[in-house]
Amino acid sequence: MSKKTEIAAQFITLVHEKQFDQAAALLAENAVMTVPEVGTIEGSGAVAGALRMASEGGKGFDRVSWPAPIENEDGTVTLAGKAPGGLLGIVAKLLKKQVSVSVSCAFADDDKISKLDVVTS
């Protein structure tokens, strides 16, 4: 596993375990997270806060089953998971299909996560 995939795996594990302050430490200070349903969130503290609020509302990444991250040729790392519970789980049941979540992570020169692009389908 490359250093970037290890960092991405550690980040998602910390979020899954609701250790948001520790997860924020893996983000660049000016990290940006884009979520289609929410918009753009800027700054490591704001990203961690948004993940915490989503988790408290039953819509967080902690509700997702995450396999090992995959490093792409462009240097980004993709985390792709399936949401079994929370709002995504309800939507999945109504649509009678599995809802998936994909997070693409880009990295700064210091190996901190600089960008998180979230896509649900």
Protein backbone atom coordinates (compact mmCIF):
# COMPACT_ATOMS: atom_id res chain seq x y z
CA MET A 1 0.00 0.00 0.00
CA SER A 2 1.41 3.40 -0.97
CA LYS A 3 1.77 6.25 1.50
CA LYS A 4 -1.20 8.07 -0.05
CA THR A 5 -3.48 5.05 0.16
CA GLU A 6 -2.38 4.54 3.79
CA ILE A 7 -3.25 8.17 4.60
CA ALA A 8 -6.63 7.88 2.87
CA ALA A 9 -7.36 4.61 4.69
CA GLN A 10 -6.34 6.15 8.01
CA PHE A 11 -8.54 9.20 7.32
CA ILE A 12 -11.64 7.16 6.52
CA THR A 13 -11.01 4.87 9.51
CA LEU A 14 -10.81 7.87 11.83
CA VAL A 15 -14.01 9.32 10.37
CA HIS A 16 -15.71 5.92 10.64
CA GLU A 17 -14.68 5.81 14.31
CA LYS A 18 -15.96 9.40 14.78
CA GLN A 19 -12.48 10.71 15.63
CA PHE A 20 -12.95 13.91 13.64
CA ASP A 21 -10.18 15.98 15.25
CA GLN A 22 -7.62 13.28 14.44
CA ALA A 23 -9.01 13.00 10.89
CA ALA A 24 -8.66 16.78 10.49
CA ALA A 25 -4.94 16.46 11.30
CA LEU A 26 -4.56 14.48 8.04
CA LEU A 27 -6.06 17.33 6.03
CA ALA A 28 -4.18 20.29 4.59
CA GLU A 29 -5.14 23.51 6.38
CA ASN A 30 -6.80 24.78 3.19
CA ALA A 31 -8.47 21.44 2.34
CA VAL A 32 -11.64 21.56 0.25
CA MET A 33 -14.49 19.04 0.25
CA THR A 34 -17.17 19.09 -2.44
CA VAL A 35 -20.45 17.27 -1.91
CA PRO A 36 -23.16 17.51 -4.59
CA GLU A 37 -26.03 17.85 -2.11
CA VAL A 38 -24.16 20.37 0.07
CA GLY A 39 -21.67 22.33 -2.00
CA THR A 40 -18.07 23.23 -1.25
CA ILE A 41 -16.62 23.26 2.26
CA GLU A 42 -13.26 24.96 2.75
CA GLY A 43 -10.67 24.52 5.51
CA SER A 44 -9.66 21.45 7.51
CA GLY A 45 -11.70 22.51 10.54
CA ALA A 46 -14.81 23.17 8.45
CA VAL A 47 -14.45 19.82 6.66
CA ALA A 48 -14.08 17.97 9.98
CA GLY A 49 -17.06 19.89 11.35
CA ALA A 50 -19.20 18.99 8.35
CA LEU A 51 -18.26 15.31 8.69
CA ARG A 52 -19.12 15.47 12.40
CA MET A 53 -22.51 17.10 11.71
CA ALA A 54 -23.33 14.59 8.99
CA SER A 55 -22.46 11.74 11.34
CA GLU A 56 -24.62 13.17 14.12
CA GLY A 57 -27.48 13.48 11.63
CA GLY A 58 -27.17 9.84 10.56
CA LYS A 59 -25.78 10.73 7.13
CA GLY A 60 -22.05 10.39 7.73
CA PHE A 61 -19.24 8.34 6.24
CA ASP A 62 -19.36 6.23 9.41
CA ARG A 63 -22.52 4.62 7.96
CA VAL A 64 -20.61 3.40 4.89
CA SER A 65 -18.74 0.13 4.40
CA TRP A 66 -15.31 1.07 2.98
CA PRO A 67 -13.03 -1.39 1.16
CA ALA A 68 -9.32 -0.64 0.68
CA PRO A 69 -8.52 2.63 -1.13
CA ILE A 70 -7.16 2.57 -4.67
CA GLU A 71 -4.39 4.86 -5.94
CA ASN A 72 -5.07 6.21 -9.42
CA GLU A 73 -2.53 7.00 -12.14
CA ASP A 74 -3.00 10.75 -11.57
CA GLY A 75 -1.89 10.45 -7.93
CA THR A 76 -5.36 10.74 -6.44
CA VAL A 77 -6.78 8.02 -4.21
CA THR A 78 -10.33 6.73 -4.54
CA LEU A 79 -12.39 5.38 -1.67
CA ALA A 80 -15.57 3.66 -2.85
CA GLY A 81 -18.10 2.30 -0.40
CA LYS A 82 -21.66 1.15 0.01
CA ALA A 83 -24.08 2.76 2.41
CA PRO A 84 -26.13 0.23 4.38
CA GLY A 85 -27.83 2.62 6.82
CA GLY A 86 -28.94 6.15 7.60
CA LEU A 87 -30.64 8.31 4.98
CA LEU A 88 -28.69 6.65 2.17
CA GLY A 89 -29.88 3.27 3.41
CA ILE A 90 -33.50 4.43 3.42
CA VAL A 91 -33.11 5.73 -0.14
CA ALA A 92 -31.52 2.43 -1.14
CA LYS A 93 -34.44 0.48 0.31
CA LEU A 94 -37.00 2.72 -1.42
CA LEU A 95 -35.19 2.38 -4.74
CA LYS A 96 -34.49 -1.30 -4.06
CA LYS A 97 -30.82 -0.86 -4.88
CA GLN A 98 -27.53 -0.32 -3.11
CA VAL A 99 -26.39 3.28 -2.76
CA SER A 100 -22.70 3.81 -3.32
CA VAL A 101 -20.39 6.59 -2.21
CA SER A 102 -17.12 7.49 -3.86
CA VAL A 103 -14.54 9.87 -2.41
CA SER A 104 -11.61 11.03 -4.50
CA CYS A 105 -8.70 12.37 -2.44
CA ALA A 106 -6.03 14.69 -3.84
CA PHE A 107 -2.86 15.40 -1.88
CA ALA A 108 -0.68 18.42 -1.15
CA ASP A 109 3.12 18.26 -1.40
CA ASP A 110 3.32 17.44 2.34
CA ASP A 111 1.10 14.33 1.81
CA LYS A 112 -1.87 15.89 3.58
CA ILE A 113 -5.27 15.50 1.91
CA SER A 114 -6.00 18.73 0.05
CA LYS A 115 -9.24 17.87 -1.74
CA LEU A 116 -12.11 15.49 -1.15
CA ASP A 117 -14.64 15.08 -3.97
CA VAL A 118 -17.68 13.14 -2.81
CA VAL A 119 -20.08 11.49 -5.28
CA THR A 120 -23.16 9.42 -4.43
CA SER A 121 -25.05 7.20 -6.83
